[in-house]
Amino acid sequence: MLAVAPADLAKLPATPGVYLLVDARGRLLYIGRASSLRSRVRSYWSVGLDRPGLRRMVRRVRRVLAGSCVSEHEAALLERTLLERLDPPFNRTSGVETVVGVRLSTTPPAISAVVELAPRVGRVFGPYLGWAPTYAAAAALVRLFPVHFCRPAGELDSVQRDLARIRGVSENDLADLSQRAAGVLDRNRSAVIDAVDRVRRDREHAAELRLYERASELQRQIDGLLWITQRQNFMRLGESGERWIVDESRIDEVVSAIG
């Protein structure tokens, strides 16, 4: 963790990360995250800060602690854990964002956003922070890789059979579609670029047809894909598959820096 005085904010890195604001007695006041630590923390000392409560807090700050992260998503996961454990007084949160996974299963074939973890039921990717972006990303993957149609025709209803025929999908495509979906979830660069490009083309086509609600939904799917495919090394699925595990050394580093 880097520690700087409010007069030395230019020393902060312009990287994603978390920051903590501490008073003269070493008491933690506030925890935040940023895509650029330098610009975000500097904004608290700008003349445009228009929240009286924050202005009062800023006058008390004597030390800023900052920790860089590999992505904004990692910063979000670290911030969430710190908020949950340290509960700083000036964070106006009514709860914490949900940690979500994406399950890719073959029996039955499905791609879905999940909160509850069920060991040995498909493969779970994640964790990802936030239900809305993860659900949107999962919806994009379902549309791009329709594994749910990869079942014997007798297990599909008439509408599903028609849709599978239109999409040119059968039970023989399950392995290929699952592998391609896993490529995106594993953050394979070319797979991610291809998936995002396909959804972007669909969004542009919807906009051309003036299907603006559909275009907005597809934009949310793009944003979701870009969110869940950011790197993060802070949290992972435990070996049992029953819970998410955090890197406790990162928490210890923060607590030690506060003093």
Foldseek 3Di string as FASTA:
>chain_A
DDKDFLVPLVPAFQAWWKKWFAFPVLATADIDTDRGSSVVVVVLVDPPPDDVVSVVVVVRGGMMDIDHFQGNFQRLVVRQVCCVPPVHDPDPDPHGFAWWWWFQAVVPGATAIDRFWDFPGGDIFDGGTHDQLQRLQSVLLCVVQVLNLLDPPVVDDPVSVVVCVVVVHYVVCNVVSSVLSVCLSVLPPVSLVVSLVVLQVVLVVCVVVVVPVVSVSSVSNSVSSVRSSRDHDAWDQDPRRRDIDGDVVVVVVVVVVSD
